[in-house]
Amino acid sequence: MGHKRIVKQLARAGARAQDALTPEGKEQLARVQRRLAKRTCAGCGLGRRHGDKRFKGCGRCQKVFYCGTACQRRHWKTHKHECLS
């Protein structure tokens, strides 16, 4: 099943769908979410298009990505609670 199809199904079904996923489905969903995170700036929400420069990840956790230093600094107040835990 393709990642776009999974995302669409989850959007339609809401959060309950995540609880109904099999362990394999949850693992696949986590991979899709990580892949999508690499394509979206956590600071401004800018989406990276094919061929654009790669976003840089958080130096500590590598779970969120940013289009530039300004966005990373601006988002740190929000992200540090997740990053430090």
C-alpha atoms as a PDB file:
ATOM      1  CA  MET A   1       0.000   0.000   0.000  1.00  0.00           C
ATOM      2  CA  GLY A   2       1.443   3.371  -0.975  1.00  0.00           C
ATOM      3  CA  HIS A   3       2.136   6.079   1.596  1.00  0.00           C
ATOM      4  CA  LYS A   4      -0.211   8.559  -0.077  1.00  0.00           C
ATOM      5  CA  ARG A   5      -3.051   6.097   0.193  1.00  0.00           C
ATOM      6  CA  ILE A   6      -2.348   5.492   3.894  1.00  0.00           C
ATOM      7  CA  VAL A   7      -2.271   9.217   4.633  1.00  0.00           C
ATOM      8  CA  LYS A   8      -5.575   9.751   2.818  1.00  0.00           C
ATOM      9  CA  GLN A   9      -7.219   6.882   4.700  1.00  0.00           C
ATOM     10  CA  LEU A  10      -6.026   8.219   8.045  1.00  0.00           C
ATOM     11  CA  ALA A  11      -7.230  11.709   7.214  1.00  0.00           C
ATOM     12  CA  ARG A  12     -10.676  10.323   6.441  1.00  0.00           C
ATOM     13  CA  ALA A  13     -10.892   8.021   9.448  1.00  0.00           C
ATOM     14  CA  GLY A  14      -9.259  10.298  12.020  1.00  0.00           C
ATOM     15  CA  ALA A  15      -7.151   9.257  15.007  1.00  0.00           C
ATOM     16  CA  ARG A  16      -9.183   6.077  15.612  1.00  0.00           C
ATOM     17  CA  ALA A  17      -7.619   4.581  12.507  1.00  0.00           C
ATOM     18  CA  GLN A  18      -4.168   4.673  14.092  1.00  0.00           C
ATOM     19  CA  ASP A  19      -5.418   2.529  16.967  1.00  0.00           C
ATOM     20  CA  ALA A  20      -6.869   0.005  14.509  1.00  0.00           C
ATOM     21  CA  LEU A  21      -3.624  -0.463  12.546  1.00  0.00           C
ATOM     22  CA  THR A  22      -1.685  -3.680  12.750  1.00  0.00           C
ATOM     23  CA  PRO A  23       1.886  -3.490  14.120  1.00  0.00           C
ATOM     24  CA  GLU A  24       3.170  -3.609  10.531  1.00  0.00           C
ATOM     25  CA  GLY A  25       0.784  -0.826   9.564  1.00  0.00           C
ATOM     26  CA  LYS A  26       1.930   1.308  12.499  1.00  0.00           C
ATOM     27  CA  GLU A  27       5.543   0.782  11.484  1.00  0.00           C
ATOM     28  CA  GLN A  28       4.758   1.751   7.901  1.00  0.00           C
ATOM     29  CA  LEU A  29       2.854   4.827   9.088  1.00  0.00           C
ATOM     30  CA  ALA A  30       5.845   5.889  11.207  1.00  0.00           C
ATOM     31  CA  ARG A  31       8.121   5.560   8.145  1.00  0.00           C
ATOM     32  CA  VAL A  32       5.742   7.675   6.071  1.00  0.00           C
ATOM     33  CA  GLN A  33       5.549  10.333   8.778  1.00  0.00           C
ATOM     34  CA  ARG A  34       9.366  10.475   9.001  1.00  0.00           C
ATOM     35  CA  ARG A  35       9.607  10.769   5.215  1.00  0.00           C
ATOM     36  CA  LEU A  36       7.037  13.579   5.154  1.00  0.00           C
ATOM     37  CA  ALA A  37       8.798  15.367   8.042  1.00  0.00           C
ATOM     38  CA  LYS A  38      11.958  15.519   5.940  1.00  0.00           C
ATOM     39  CA  ARG A  39       9.997  17.361   3.245  1.00  0.00           C
ATOM     40  CA  THR A  40       8.323  19.979   5.464  1.00  0.00           C
ATOM     41  CA  CYS A  41       9.888  22.772   7.499  1.00  0.00           C
ATOM     42  CA  ALA A  42       8.774  22.482  11.130  1.00  0.00           C
ATOM     43  CA  GLY A  43       9.219  26.233  11.583  1.00  0.00           C
ATOM     44  CA  CYS A  44       7.263  27.757   8.712  1.00  0.00           C
ATOM     45  CA  GLY A  45       5.517  24.750   7.140  1.00  0.00           C
ATOM     46  CA  LEU A  46       7.213  25.249   3.774  1.00  0.00           C
ATOM     47  CA  GLY A  47       7.101  22.076   1.716  1.00  0.00           C
ATOM     48  CA  ARG A  48      10.170  20.974  -0.182  1.00  0.00           C
ATOM     49  CA  ARG A  49       9.515  20.260  -3.840  1.00  0.00           C
ATOM     50  CA  HIS A  50      11.386  17.641  -5.832  1.00  0.00           C
ATOM     51  CA  GLY A  51      14.754  19.058  -6.795  1.00  0.00           C
ATOM     52  CA  ASP A  52      14.868  21.710  -4.040  1.00  0.00           C
ATOM     53  CA  LYS A  53      17.692  21.706  -1.524  1.00  0.00           C
ATOM     54  CA  ARG A  54      17.387  19.242   1.334  1.00  0.00           C
ATOM     55  CA  PHE A  55      16.154  20.514   4.672  1.00  0.00           C
ATOM     56  CA  LYS A  56      18.525  20.206   7.619  1.00  0.00           C
ATOM     57  CA  GLY A  57      17.464  18.200  10.649  1.00  0.00           C
ATOM     58  CA  CYS A  58      17.600  19.180  14.306  1.00  0.00           C
ATOM     59  CA  GLY A  59      21.190  18.705  15.423  1.00  0.00           C
ATOM     60  CA  ARG A  60      20.156  16.815  18.541  1.00  0.00           C
ATOM     61  CA  CYS A  61      17.216  14.530  17.656  1.00  0.00           C
ATOM     62  CA  GLN A  62      16.988  14.586  13.819  1.00  0.00           C
ATOM     63  CA  LYS A  63      13.188  14.215  14.144  1.00  0.00           C
ATOM     64  CA  VAL A  64      12.242  17.625  12.711  1.00  0.00           C
ATOM     65  CA  PHE A  65      13.625  19.483   9.724  1.00  0.00           C
ATOM     66  CA  TYR A  66      14.043  23.143   8.825  1.00  0.00           C
ATOM     67  CA  CYS A  67      14.468  25.171   5.652  1.00  0.00           C
ATOM     68  CA  GLY A  68      16.975  27.464   7.344  1.00  0.00           C
ATOM     69  CA  THR A  69      18.611  28.660  10.533  1.00  0.00           C
ATOM     70  CA  ALA A  70      16.029  31.386  11.144  1.00  0.00           C
ATOM     71  CA  CYS A  71      13.170  28.880  11.224  1.00  0.00           C
ATOM     72  CA  GLN A  72      15.126  26.529  13.457  1.00  0.00           C
ATOM     73  CA  ARG A  73      15.847  29.292  16.000  1.00  0.00           C
ATOM     74  CA  ARG A  74      12.248  30.530  15.924  1.00  0.00           C
ATOM     75  CA  HIS A  75      10.849  27.014  16.432  1.00  0.00           C
ATOM     76  CA  TRP A  76      13.256  26.021  19.235  1.00  0.00           C
ATOM     77  CA  LYS A  77      10.954  27.253  22.045  1.00  0.00           C
ATOM     78  CA  THR A  78       8.290  24.838  20.831  1.00  0.00           C
ATOM     79  CA  HIS A  79      10.551  21.976  19.828  1.00  0.00           C
ATOM     80  CA  LYS A  80      12.880  21.869  22.841  1.00  0.00           C
ATOM     81  CA  HIS A  81      10.285  20.134  25.046  1.00  0.00           C
ATOM     82  CA  GLU A  82       9.981  17.272  22.543  1.00  0.00           C
ATOM     83  CA  CYS A  83      13.688  17.225  21.760  1.00  0.00           C
ATOM     84  CA  LEU A  84      14.929  17.120  25.348  1.00  0.00           C
ATOM     85  CA  SER A  85      12.503  14.412  26.466  1.00  0.00           C
END
